[in-house]
ModelCIF file with pLDDT and N, C-alpha, C, O atoms, coordinates in Angstrom:
data_MODEL
#
_entry.id   MODEL 
#
_entity.id                         1 
_entity.type                       polymer 
_entity.pdbx_number_of_molecules   1 
#
_entity_poly.entity_id                      1 
_entity_poly.type                           'polypeptide(L)' 
_entity_poly.nstd_linkage                   no 
_entity_poly.nstd_monomer                   no 
_entity_poly.pdbx_seq_one_letter_code       LRELHRFAPGGSLHPDTVYFGGGTPSLLTPRQVSRLIEAAAPVPGAEI 
_entity_poly.pdbx_seq_one_letter_code_can   LRELHRFAPGGSLHPDTVYFGGGTPSLLTPRQVSRLIEAAAPVPGAEI 
_entity_poly.pdbx_strand_id                 A 
#
loop_
_entity_poly_seq.entity_id 
_entity_poly_seq.num 
_entity_poly_seq.mon_id 
_entity_poly_seq.hetero 
1 1  LEU n 
1 2  ARG n 
1 3  GLU n 
1 4  LEU n 
1 5  HIS n 
1 6  ARG n 
1 7  PHE n 
1 8  ALA n 
1 9  PRO n 
1 10 GLY n 
1 11 GLY n 
1 12 SER n 
1 13 LEU n 
1 14 HIS n 
1 15 PRO n 
1 16 ASP n 
1 17 THR n 
1 18 VAL n 
1 19 TYR n 
1 20 PHE n 
1 21 GLY n 
1 22 GLY n 
1 23 GLY n 
1 24 THR n 
1 25 PRO n 
1 26 SER n 
1 27 LEU n 
1 28 LEU n 
1 29 THR n 
1 30 PRO n 
1 31 ARG n 
1 32 GLN n 
1 33 VAL n 
1 34 SER n 
1 35 ARG n 
1 36 LEU n 
1 37 ILE n 
1 38 GLU n 
1 39 ALA n 
1 40 ALA n 
1 41 ALA n 
1 42 PRO n 
1 43 VAL n 
1 44 PRO n 
1 45 GLY n 
1 46 ALA n 
1 47 GLU n 
1 48 ILE n 
#
_struct_asym.id          A 
_struct_asym.entity_id   1 
#
loop_
_ma_qa_metric.id 
_ma_qa_metric.mode 
_ma_qa_metric.name 
_ma_qa_metric.software_group_id 
_ma_qa_metric.type 
1 global pLDDT . pLDDT 
2 local  pLDDT . pLDDT 
#
_ma_qa_metric_global.metric_id      1 
_ma_qa_metric_global.metric_value   94.58 
_ma_qa_metric_global.model_id       1 
_ma_qa_metric_global.ordinal_id     1 
#
loop_
_ma_qa_metric_local.label_asym_id 
_ma_qa_metric_local.label_comp_id 
_ma_qa_metric_local.label_seq_id 
_ma_qa_metric_local.metric_id 
_ma_qa_metric_local.metric_value 
_ma_qa_metric_local.model_id 
_ma_qa_metric_local.ordinal_id 
A LEU 1  2 97.00 1 1  
A ARG 2  2 97.00 1 2  
A GLU 3  2 96.00 1 3  
A LEU 4  2 96.00 1 4  
A HIS 5  2 94.00 1 5  
A ARG 6  2 94.00 1 6  
A PHE 7  2 92.00 1 7  
A ALA 8  2 88.00 1 8  
A PRO 9  2 79.00 1 9  
A GLY 10 2 73.00 1 10 
A GLY 11 2 70.00 1 11 
A SER 12 2 78.00 1 12 
A LEU 13 2 92.00 1 13 
A HIS 14 2 95.00 1 14 
A PRO 15 2 97.00 1 15 
A ASP 16 2 98.00 1 16 
A THR 17 2 98.00 1 17 
A VAL 18 2 98.00 1 18 
A TYR 19 2 98.00 1 19 
A PHE 20 2 98.00 1 20 
A GLY 21 2 97.00 1 21 
A GLY 22 2 93.00 1 22 
A GLY 23 2 93.00 1 23 
A THR 24 2 96.00 1 24 
A PRO 25 2 97.00 1 25 
A SER 26 2 98.00 1 26 
A LEU 27 2 97.00 1 27 
A LEU 28 2 98.00 1 28 
A THR 29 2 98.00 1 29 
A PRO 30 2 98.00 1 30 
A ARG 31 2 98.00 1 31 
A GLN 32 2 98.00 1 32 
A VAL 33 2 98.00 1 33 
A SER 34 2 98.00 1 34 
A ARG 35 2 97.00 1 35 
A LEU 36 2 97.00 1 36 
A ILE 37 2 97.00 1 37 
A GLU 38 2 96.00 1 38 
A ALA 39 2 95.00 1 39 
A ALA 40 2 96.00 1 40 
A ALA 41 2 95.00 1 41 
A PRO 42 2 97.00 1 42 
A VAL 43 2 97.00 1 43 
A PRO 44 2 97.00 1 44 
A GLY 45 2 97.00 1 45 
A ALA 46 2 98.00 1 46 
A GLU 47 2 98.00 1 47 
A ILE 48 2 98.00 1 48 
#
loop_
_atom_site.group_PDB 
_atom_site.id 
_atom_site.type_symbol 
_atom_site.label_atom_id 
_atom_site.label_alt_id 
_atom_site.label_comp_id 
_atom_site.label_asym_id 
_atom_site.label_entity_id 
_atom_site.label_seq_id 
_atom_site.pdbx_PDB_ins_code 
_atom_site.Cartn_x 
_atom_site.Cartn_y 
_atom_site.Cartn_z 
_atom_site.occupancy 
_atom_site.B_iso_or_equiv 
_atom_site.pdbx_formal_charge 
_atom_site.auth_seq_id 
_atom_site.auth_comp_id 
_atom_site.auth_asym_id 
_atom_site.auth_atom_id 
_atom_site.pdbx_PDB_model_num 
ATOM 1   N N  . LEU A 1 1  ? 1.920   -0.187  -8.990  1.00 97.00 ? 1  LEU A N  1 
ATOM 2   C CA . LEU A 1 1  ? 2.333   0.934   -8.132  1.00 97.00 ? 1  LEU A CA 1 
ATOM 3   C C  . LEU A 1 1  ? 2.259   2.259   -8.891  1.00 97.00 ? 1  LEU A C  1 
ATOM 4   O O  . LEU A 1 1  ? 1.877   3.288   -8.335  1.00 97.00 ? 1  LEU A O  1 
ATOM 5   N N  . ARG A 1 2  ? 2.627   2.213   -10.159 1.00 97.00 ? 2  ARG A N  1 
ATOM 6   C CA . ARG A 1 2  ? 2.541   3.418   -11.012 1.00 97.00 ? 2  ARG A CA 1 
ATOM 7   C C  . ARG A 1 2  ? 1.089   3.904   -11.078 1.00 97.00 ? 2  ARG A C  1 
ATOM 8   O O  . ARG A 1 2  ? 0.826   5.098   -10.936 1.00 97.00 ? 2  ARG A O  1 
ATOM 9   N N  . GLU A 1 3  ? 0.147   2.976   -11.295 1.00 96.00 ? 3  GLU A N  1 
ATOM 10  C CA . GLU A 1 3  ? -1.268  3.364   -11.403 1.00 96.00 ? 3  GLU A CA 1 
ATOM 11  C C  . GLU A 1 3  ? -1.824  3.825   -10.061 1.00 96.00 ? 3  GLU A C  1 
ATOM 12  O O  . GLU A 1 3  ? -2.635  4.749   -10.008 1.00 96.00 ? 3  GLU A O  1 
ATOM 13  N N  . LEU A 1 4  ? -1.394  3.185   -8.983  1.00 96.00 ? 4  LEU A N  1 
ATOM 14  C CA . LEU A 1 4  ? -1.827  3.644   -7.654  1.00 96.00 ? 4  LEU A CA 1 
ATOM 15  C C  . LEU A 1 4  ? -1.410  5.091   -7.429  1.00 96.00 ? 4  LEU A C  1 
ATOM 16  O O  . LEU A 1 4  ? -2.192  5.903   -6.934  1.00 96.00 ? 4  LEU A O  1 
ATOM 17  N N  . HIS A 1 5  ? -0.186  5.401   -7.794  1.00 94.00 ? 5  HIS A N  1 
ATOM 18  C CA . HIS A 1 5  ? 0.301   6.778   -7.635  1.00 94.00 ? 5  HIS A CA 1 
ATOM 19  C C  . HIS A 1 5  ? -0.457  7.736   -8.555  1.00 94.00 ? 5  HIS A C  1 
ATOM 20  O O  . HIS A 1 5  ? -0.701  8.888   -8.195  1.00 94.00 ? 5  HIS A O  1 
ATOM 21  N N  . ARG A 1 6  ? -0.825  7.256   -9.736  1.00 94.00 ? 6  ARG A N  1 
ATOM 22  C CA . ARG A 1 6  ? -1.553  8.101   -10.691 1.00 94.00 ? 6  ARG A CA 1 
ATOM 23  C C  . ARG A 1 6  ? -2.925  8.490   -10.140 1.00 94.00 ? 6  ARG A C  1 
ATOM 24  O O  . ARG A 1 6  ? -3.356  9.635   -10.277 1.00 94.00 ? 6  ARG A O  1 
ATOM 25  N N  . PHE A 1 7  ? -3.600  7.533   -9.521  1.00 92.00 ? 7  PHE A N  1 
ATOM 26  C CA . PHE A 1 7  ? -4.936  7.817   -8.983  1.00 92.00 ? 7  PHE A CA 1 
ATOM 27  C C  . PHE A 1 7  ? -4.880  8.455   -7.605  1.00 92.00 ? 7  PHE A C  1 
ATOM 28  O O  . PHE A 1 7  ? -5.822  9.132   -7.193  1.00 92.00 ? 7  PHE A O  1 
ATOM 29  N N  . ALA A 1 8  ? -3.775  8.241   -6.886  1.00 88.00 ? 8  ALA A N  1 
ATOM 30  C CA . ALA A 1 8  ? -3.671  8.787   -5.531  1.00 88.00 ? 8  ALA A CA 1 
ATOM 31  C C  . ALA A 1 8  ? -2.265  9.324   -5.292  1.00 88.00 ? 8  ALA A C  1 
ATOM 32  O O  . ALA A 1 8  ? -1.482  8.706   -4.570  1.00 88.00 ? 8  ALA A O  1 
ATOM 33  N N  . PRO A 1 9  ? -1.939  10.465  -5.890  1.00 79.00 ? 9  PRO A N  1 
ATOM 34  C CA . PRO A 1 9  ? -0.601  11.045  -5.681  1.00 79.00 ? 9  PRO A CA 1 
ATOM 35  C C  . PRO A 1 9  ? -0.352  11.278  -4.193  1.00 79.00 ? 9  PRO A C  1 
ATOM 36  O O  . PRO A 1 9  ? -1.193  11.831  -3.484  1.00 79.00 ? 9  PRO A O  1 
ATOM 37  N N  . GLY A 1 10 ? 0.796   10.853  -3.750  1.00 73.00 ? 10 GLY A N  1 
ATOM 38  C CA . GLY A 1 10 ? 1.119   11.056  -2.339  1.00 73.00 ? 10 GLY A CA 1 
ATOM 39  C C  . GLY A 1 10 ? 0.487   10.035  -1.410  1.00 73.00 ? 10 GLY A C  1 
ATOM 40  O O  . GLY A 1 10 ? 0.521   10.203  -0.191  1.00 73.00 ? 10 GLY A O  1 
ATOM 41  N N  . GLY A 1 11 ? -0.101  8.958   -1.980  1.00 70.00 ? 11 GLY A N  1 
ATOM 42  C CA . GLY A 1 11 ? -0.666  7.901   -1.142  1.00 70.00 ? 11 GLY A CA 1 
ATOM 43  C C  . GLY A 1 11 ? -1.944  8.290   -0.438  1.00 70.00 ? 11 GLY A C  1 
ATOM 44  O O  . GLY A 1 11 ? -2.133  7.959   0.732   1.00 70.00 ? 11 GLY A O  1 
ATOM 45  N N  . SER A 1 12 ? -2.828  8.990   -1.136  1.00 78.00 ? 12 SER A N  1 
ATOM 46  C CA . SER A 1 12 ? -4.053  9.495   -0.499  1.00 78.00 ? 12 SER A CA 1 
ATOM 47  C C  . SER A 1 12 ? -5.290  8.650   -0.814  1.00 78.00 ? 12 SER A C  1 
ATOM 48  O O  . SER A 1 12 ? -6.411  9.125   -0.629  1.00 78.00 ? 12 SER A O  1 
ATOM 49  N N  . LEU A 1 13 ? -5.119  7.413   -1.284  1.00 92.00 ? 13 LEU A N  1 
ATOM 50  C CA . LEU A 1 13 ? -6.267  6.605   -1.685  1.00 92.00 ? 13 LEU A CA 1 
ATOM 51  C C  . LEU A 1 13 ? -7.059  6.121   -0.465  1.00 92.00 ? 13 LEU A C  1 
ATOM 52  O O  . LEU A 1 13 ? -8.273  6.316   -0.405  1.00 92.00 ? 13 LEU A O  1 
ATOM 53  N N  . HIS A 1 14 ? -6.391  5.498   0.502   1.00 95.00 ? 14 HIS A N  1 
ATOM 54  C CA . HIS A 1 14 ? -6.994  5.033   1.756   1.00 95.00 ? 14 HIS A CA 1 
ATOM 55  C C  . HIS A 1 14 ? -8.288  4.225   1.549   1.00 95.00 ? 14 HIS A C  1 
ATOM 56  O O  . HIS A 1 14 ? -9.341  4.631   2.039   1.00 95.00 ? 14 HIS A O  1 
ATOM 57  N N  . PRO A 1 15 ? -8.228  3.095   0.835   1.00 97.00 ? 15 PRO A N  1 
ATOM 58  C CA . PRO A 1 15 ? -9.431  2.296   0.610   1.00 97.00 ? 15 PRO A CA 1 
ATOM 59  C C  . PRO A 1 15 ? -9.899  1.592   1.888   1.00 97.00 ? 15 PRO A C  1 
ATOM 60  O O  . PRO A 1 15 ? -9.116  1.350   2.806   1.00 97.00 ? 15 PRO A O  1 
ATOM 61  N N  . ASP A 1 16 ? -11.194 1.271   1.921   1.00 98.00 ? 16 ASP A N  1 
ATOM 62  C CA . ASP A 1 16 ? -11.768 0.531   3.041   1.00 98.00 ? 16 ASP A CA 1 
ATOM 63  C C  . ASP A 1 16 ? -11.595 -0.973  2.857   1.00 98.00 ? 16 ASP A C  1 
ATOM 64  O O  . ASP A 1 16 ? -11.622 -1.734  3.824   1.00 98.00 ? 16 ASP A O  1 
ATOM 65  N N  . THR A 1 17 ? -11.415 -1.396  1.598   1.00 98.00 ? 17 THR A N  1 
ATOM 66  C CA . THR A 1 17 ? -11.148 -2.796  1.298   1.00 98.00 ? 17 THR A CA 1 
ATOM 67  C C  . THR A 1 17 ? -10.110 -2.863  0.184   1.00 98.00 ? 17 THR A C  1 
ATOM 68  O O  . THR A 1 17 ? -10.055 -1.995  -0.687  1.00 98.00 ? 17 THR A O  1 
ATOM 69  N N  . VAL A 1 18 ? -9.291  -3.908  0.229   1.00 98.00 ? 18 VAL A N  1 
ATOM 70  C CA . VAL A 1 18 ? -8.339  -4.195  -0.847  1.00 98.00 ? 18 VAL A CA 1 
ATOM 71  C C  . VAL A 1 18 ? -8.542  -5.653  -1.228  1.00 98.00 ? 18 VAL A C  1 
ATOM 72  O O  . VAL A 1 18 ? -8.610  -6.523  -0.360  1.00 98.00 ? 18 VAL A O  1 
ATOM 73  N N  . TYR A 1 19 ? -8.637  -5.920  -2.523  1.00 98.00 ? 19 TYR A N  1 
ATOM 74  C CA . TYR A 1 19 ? -8.904  -7.282  -2.987  1.00 98.00 ? 19 TYR A CA 1 
ATOM 75  C C  . TYR A 1 19 ? -7.916  -7.646  -4.087  1.00 98.00 ? 19 TYR A C  1 
ATOM 76  O O  . TYR A 1 19 ? -7.898  -7.025  -5.150  1.00 98.00 ? 19 TYR A O  1 
ATOM 77  N N  . PHE A 1 20 ? -7.088  -8.667  -3.820  1.00 98.00 ? 20 PHE A N  1 
ATOM 78  C CA . PHE A 1 20 ? -6.173  -9.199  -4.827  1.00 98.00 ? 20 PHE A CA 1 
ATOM 79  C C  . PHE A 1 20 ? -6.892  -10.341 -5.553  1.00 98.00 ? 20 PHE A C  1 
ATOM 80  O O  . PHE A 1 20 ? -7.104  -11.408 -4.977  1.00 98.00 ? 20 PHE A O  1 
ATOM 81  N N  . GLY A 1 21 ? -7.271  -10.111 -6.830  1.00 97.00 ? 21 GLY A N  1 
ATOM 82  C CA . GLY A 1 21 ? -7.992  -11.125 -7.595  1.00 97.00 ? 21 GLY A CA 1 
ATOM 83  C C  . GLY A 1 21 ? -7.212  -11.550 -8.822  1.00 97.00 ? 21 GLY A C  1 
ATOM 84  O O  . GLY A 1 21 ? -6.204  -10.936 -9.172  1.00 97.00 ? 21 GLY A O  1 
ATOM 85  N N  . GLY A 1 22 ? -7.683  -12.609 -9.476  1.00 93.00 ? 22 GLY A N  1 
ATOM 86  C CA . GLY A 1 22 ? -6.880  -13.100 -10.604 1.00 93.00 ? 22 GLY A CA 1 
ATOM 87  C C  . GLY A 1 22 ? -7.651  -13.890 -11.635 1.00 93.00 ? 22 GLY A C  1 
ATOM 88  O O  . GLY A 1 22 ? -8.873  -13.792 -11.749 1.00 93.00 ? 22 GLY A O  1 
ATOM 89  N N  . GLY A 1 23 ? -6.867  -14.709 -12.414 1.00 93.00 ? 23 GLY A N  1 
ATOM 90  C CA . GLY A 1 23 ? -5.528  -15.186 -12.165 1.00 93.00 ? 23 GLY A CA 1 
ATOM 91  C C  . GLY A 1 23 ? -5.339  -15.868 -10.818 1.00 93.00 ? 23 GLY A C  1 
ATOM 92  O O  . GLY A 1 23 ? -6.288  -16.331 -10.186 1.00 93.00 ? 23 GLY A O  1 
ATOM 93  N N  . THR A 1 24 ? -4.087  -15.911 -10.405 1.00 96.00 ? 24 THR A N  1 
ATOM 94  C CA . THR A 1 24 ? -3.720  -16.534 -9.136  1.00 96.00 ? 24 THR A CA 1 
ATOM 95  C C  . THR A 1 24 ? -2.858  -15.571 -8.332  1.00 96.00 ? 24 THR A C  1 
ATOM 96  O O  . THR A 1 24 ? -1.632  -15.597 -8.438  1.00 96.00 ? 24 THR A O  1 
ATOM 97  N N  . PRO A 1 25 ? -3.502  -14.709 -7.517  1.00 97.00 ? 25 PRO A N  1 
ATOM 98  C CA . PRO A 1 25 ? -2.745  -13.711 -6.751  1.00 97.00 ? 25 PRO A CA 1 
ATOM 99  C C  . PRO A 1 25 ? -1.742  -14.312 -5.774  1.00 97.00 ? 25 PRO A C  1 
ATOM 100 O O  . PRO A 1 25 ? -0.777  -13.648 -5.393  1.00 97.00 ? 25 PRO A O  1 
ATOM 101 N N  . SER A 1 26 ? -1.960  -15.581 -5.358  1.00 98.00 ? 26 SER A N  1 
ATOM 102 C CA . SER A 1 26 ? -1.019  -16.192 -4.419  1.00 98.00 ? 26 SER A CA 1 
ATOM 103 C C  . SER A 1 26 ? 0.316   -16.518 -5.072  1.00 98.00 ? 26 SER A C  1 
ATOM 104 O O  . SER A 1 26 ? 1.217   -17.028 -4.407  1.00 98.00 ? 26 SER A O  1 
ATOM 105 N N  . LEU A 1 27 ? 0.462   -16.229 -6.382  1.00 97.00 ? 27 LEU A N  1 
ATOM 106 C CA . LEU A 1 27 ? 1.784   -16.307 -7.022  1.00 97.00 ? 27 LEU A CA 1 
ATOM 107 C C  . LEU A 1 27 ? 2.638   -15.084 -6.680  1.00 97.00 ? 27 LEU A C  1 
ATOM 108 O O  . LEU A 1 27 ? 3.849   -15.090 -6.903  1.00 97.00 ? 27 LEU A O  1 
ATOM 109 N N  . LEU A 1 28 ? 2.011   -14.037 -6.141  1.00 98.00 ? 28 LEU A N  1 
ATOM 110 C CA . LEU A 1 28 ? 2.779   -12.899 -5.633  1.00 98.00 ? 28 LEU A CA 1 
ATOM 111 C C  . LEU A 1 28 ? 3.627   -13.353 -4.451  1.00 98.00 ? 28 LEU A C  1 
ATOM 112 O O  . LEU A 1 28 ? 3.258   -14.293 -3.746  1.00 98.00 ? 28 LEU A O  1 
ATOM 113 N N  . THR A 1 29 ? 4.744   -12.700 -4.235  1.00 98.00 ? 29 THR A N  1 
ATOM 114 C CA . THR A 1 29 ? 5.516   -12.954 -3.021  1.00 98.00 ? 29 THR A CA 1 
ATOM 115 C C  . THR A 1 29 ? 4.953   -12.076 -1.903  1.00 98.00 ? 29 THR A C  1 
ATOM 116 O O  . THR A 1 29 ? 4.351   -11.039 -2.182  1.00 98.00 ? 29 THR A O  1 
ATOM 117 N N  . PRO A 1 30 ? 5.138   -12.475 -0.643  1.00 98.00 ? 30 PRO A N  1 
ATOM 118 C CA . PRO A 1 30 ? 4.702   -11.614 0.458   1.00 98.00 ? 30 PRO A CA 1 
ATOM 119 C C  . PRO A 1 30 ? 5.286   -10.201 0.364   1.00 98.00 ? 30 PRO A C  1 
ATOM 120 O O  . PRO A 1 30 ? 4.617   -9.231  0.719   1.00 98.00 ? 30 PRO A O  1 
ATOM 121 N N  . ARG A 1 31 ? 6.521   -10.082 -0.108  1.00 98.00 ? 31 ARG A N  1 
ATOM 122 C CA . ARG A 1 31 ? 7.142   -8.760  -0.248  1.00 98.00 ? 31 ARG A CA 1 
ATOM 123 C C  . ARG A 1 31 ? 6.395   -7.925  -1.276  1.00 98.00 ? 31 ARG A C  1 
ATOM 124 O O  . ARG A 1 31 ? 6.165   -6.737  -1.053  1.00 98.00 ? 31 ARG A O  1 
ATOM 125 N N  . GLN A 1 32 ? 6.009   -8.529  -2.403  1.00 98.00 ? 32 GLN A N  1 
ATOM 126 C CA . GLN A 1 32 ? 5.248   -7.797  -3.415  1.00 98.00 ? 32 GLN A CA 1 
ATOM 127 C C  . GLN A 1 32 ? 3.900   -7.343  -2.859  1.00 98.00 ? 32 GLN A C  1 
ATOM 128 O O  . GLN A 1 32 ? 3.476   -6.211  -3.088  1.00 98.00 ? 32 GLN A O  1 
ATOM 129 N N  . VAL A 1 33 ? 3.234   -8.233  -2.129  1.00 98.00 ? 33 VAL A N  1 
ATOM 130 C CA . VAL A 1 33 ? 1.946   -7.891  -1.518  1.00 98.00 ? 33 VAL A CA 1 
ATOM 131 C C  . VAL A 1 33 ? 2.117   -6.751  -0.530  1.00 98.00 ? 33 VAL A C  1 
ATOM 132 O O  . VAL A 1 33 ? 1.305   -5.827  -0.492  1.00 98.00 ? 33 VAL A O  1 
ATOM 133 N N  . SER A 1 34 ? 3.166   -6.815  0.261   1.00 98.00 ? 34 SER A N  1 
ATOM 134 C CA . SER A 1 34 ? 3.426   -5.772  1.256   1.00 98.00 ? 34 SER A CA 1 
ATOM 135 C C  . SER A 1 34 ? 3.625   -4.411  0.593   1.00 98.00 ? 34 SER A C  1 
ATOM 136 O O  . SER A 1 34 ? 3.102   -3.404  1.069   1.00 98.00 ? 34 SER A O  1 
ATOM 137 N N  . ARG A 1 35 ? 4.370   -4.380  -0.490  1.00 97.00 ? 35 ARG A N  1 
ATOM 138 C CA . ARG A 1 35 ? 4.614   -3.110  -1.199  1.00 97.00 ? 35 ARG A CA 1 
ATOM 139 C C  . ARG A 1 35 ? 3.308   -2.505  -1.707  1.00 97.00 ? 35 ARG A C  1 
ATOM 140 O O  . ARG A 1 35 ? 3.093   -1.297  -1.606  1.00 97.00 ? 35 ARG A O  1 
ATOM 141 N N  . LEU A 1 36 ? 2.437   -3.356  -2.253  1.00 97.00 ? 36 LEU A N  1 
ATOM 142 C CA . LEU A 1 36 ? 1.177   -2.868  -2.813  1.00 97.00 ? 36 LEU A CA 1 
ATOM 143 C C  . LEU A 1 36 ? 0.236   -2.371  -1.712  1.00 97.00 ? 36 LEU A C  1 
ATOM 144 O O  . LEU A 1 36 ? -0.412  -1.335  -1.863  1.00 97.00 ? 36 LEU A O  1 
ATOM 145 N N  . ILE A 1 37 ? 0.165   -3.112  -0.610  1.00 97.00 ? 37 ILE A N  1 
ATOM 146 C CA . ILE A 1 37 ? -0.696  -2.679  0.497   1.00 97.00 ? 37 ILE A CA 1 
ATOM 147 C C  . ILE A 1 37 ? -0.179  -1.370  1.085   1.00 97.00 ? 37 ILE A C  1 
ATOM 148 O O  . ILE A 1 37 ? -0.954  -0.458  1.375   1.00 97.00 ? 37 ILE A O  1 
ATOM 149 N N  . GLU A 1 38 ? 1.120   -1.290  1.252   1.00 96.00 ? 38 GLU A N  1 
ATOM 150 C CA . GLU A 1 38 ? 1.725   -0.072  1.815   1.00 96.00 ? 38 GLU A CA 1 
ATOM 151 C C  . GLU A 1 38 ? 1.437   1.138   0.930   1.00 96.00 ? 38 GLU A C  1 
ATOM 152 O O  . GLU A 1 38 ? 1.153   2.226   1.431   1.00 96.00 ? 38 GLU A O  1 
ATOM 153 N N  . ALA A 1 39 ? 1.511   0.944   -0.391  1.00 95.00 ? 39 ALA A N  1 
ATOM 154 C CA . ALA A 1 39 ? 1.252   2.058   -1.317  1.00 95.00 ? 39 ALA A CA 1 
ATOM 155 C C  . ALA A 1 39 ? -0.215  2.463   -1.319  1.00 95.00 ? 39 ALA A C  1 
ATOM 156 O O  . ALA A 1 39 ? -0.539  3.639   -1.484  1.00 95.00 ? 39 ALA A O  1 
ATOM 157 N N  . ALA A 1 40 ? -1.110  1.481   -1.133  1.00 96.00 ? 40 ALA A N  1 
ATOM 158 C CA . ALA A 1 40 ? -2.547  1.789   -1.127  1.00 96.00 ? 40 ALA A CA 1 
ATOM 159 C C  . ALA A 1 40 ? -2.960  2.515   0.147   1.00 96.00 ? 40 ALA A C  1 
ATOM 160 O O  . ALA A 1 40 ? -3.938  3.262   0.150   1.00 96.00 ? 40 ALA A O  1 
ATOM 161 N N  . ALA A 1 41 ? -2.216  2.298   1.231   1.00 95.00 ? 41 ALA A N  1 
ATOM 162 C CA . ALA A 1 41 ? -2.484  2.937   2.528   1.00 95.00 ? 41 ALA A CA 1 
ATOM 163 C C  . ALA A 1 41 ? -3.951  2.779   2.948   1.00 95.00 ? 41 ALA A C  1 
ATOM 164 O O  . ALA A 1 41 ? -4.651  3.774   3.136   1.00 95.00 ? 41 ALA A O  1 
ATOM 165 N N  . PRO A 1 42 ? -4.423  1.523   3.097   1.00 97.00 ? 42 PRO A N  1 
ATOM 166 C CA . PRO A 1 42 ? -5.818  1.316   3.497   1.00 97.00 ? 42 PRO A CA 1 
ATOM 167 C C  . PRO A 1 42 ? -6.097  1.880   4.885   1.00 97.00 ? 42 PRO A C  1 
ATOM 168 O O  . PRO A 1 42 ? -5.183  2.052   5.692   1.00 97.00 ? 42 PRO A O  1 
ATOM 169 N N  . VAL A 1 43 ? -7.375  2.166   5.155   1.00 97.00 ? 43 VAL A N  1 
ATOM 170 C CA . VAL A 1 43 ? -7.767  2.712   6.453   1.00 97.00 ? 43 VAL A CA 1 
ATOM 171 C C  . VAL A 1 43 ? -7.546  1.650   7.529   1.00 97.00 ? 43 VAL A C  1 
ATOM 172 O O  . VAL A 1 43 ? -7.531  0.460   7.215   1.00 97.00 ? 43 VAL A O  1 
ATOM 173 N N  . PRO A 1 44 ? -7.377  2.045   8.769   1.00 97.00 ? 44 PRO A N  1 
ATOM 174 C CA . PRO A 1 44 ? -7.267  1.059   9.851   1.00 97.00 ? 44 PRO A CA 1 
ATOM 175 C C  . PRO A 1 44 ? -8.502  0.155   9.873   1.00 97.00 ? 44 PRO A C  1 
ATOM 176 O O  . PRO A 1 44 ? -9.632  0.627   9.753   1.00 97.00 ? 44 PRO A O  1 
ATOM 177 N N  . GLY A 1 45 ? -8.270  -1.146  10.026  1.00 97.00 ? 45 GLY A N  1 
ATOM 178 C CA . GLY A 1 45 ? -9.392  -2.091  10.049  1.00 97.00 ? 45 GLY A CA 1 
ATOM 179 C C  . GLY A 1 45 ? -9.904  -2.488  8.687   1.00 97.00 ? 45 GLY A C  1 
ATOM 180 O O  . GLY A 1 45 ? -10.929 -3.162  8.590   1.00 97.00 ? 45 GLY A O  1 
ATOM 181 N N  . ALA A 1 46 ? -9.210  -2.086  7.616   1.00 98.00 ? 46 ALA A N  1 
ATOM 182 C CA . ALA A 1 46 ? -9.652  -2.436  6.259   1.00 98.00 ? 46 ALA A CA 1 
ATOM 183 C C  . ALA A 1 46 ? -9.639  -3.948  6.065   1.00 98.00 ? 46 ALA A C  1 
ATOM 184 O O  . ALA A 1 46 ? -8.803  -4.656  6.628   1.00 98.00 ? 46 ALA A O  1 
ATOM 185 N N  . GLU A 1 47 ? -10.575 -4.424  5.263   1.00 98.00 ? 47 GLU A N  1 
ATOM 186 C CA . GLU A 1 47 ? -10.591 -5.834  4.859   1.00 98.00 ? 47 GLU A CA 1 
ATOM 187 C C  . GLU A 1 47 ? -9.634  -5.990  3.680   1.00 98.00 ? 47 GLU A C  1 
ATOM 188 O O  . GLU A 1 47 ? -9.784  -5.314  2.662   1.00 98.00 ? 47 GLU A O  1 
ATOM 189 N N  . ILE A 1 48 ? -8.652  -6.880  3.816   1.00 98.00 ? 48 ILE A N  1 
ATOM 190 C CA . ILE A 1 48 ? -7.650  -7.078  2.760   1.00 98.00 ? 48 ILE A CA 1 
ATOM 191 C C  . ILE A 1 48 ? -7.653  -8.557  2.373   1.00 98.00 ? 48 ILE A C  1 
ATOM 192 O O  . ILE A 1 48 ? -6.889  -8.968  1.500   1.00 98.00 ? 48 ILE A O  1 
#
C-alpha cells in the first residue's frame, strides 16, 4: 500500500489489469485483497 501511494498519490493509478502473482497469493485473506484492489482503484471492467 505504501508503494502504491508512492507511485499514485491520491489513488490515481487506475490500472486496466491487476495481477496477484507469487509465491502463493491465495495465502492473502479476502480483506487484504480488498484493501489492495481498493487502493489501486482499477478502471471499471478491469481484469483482476
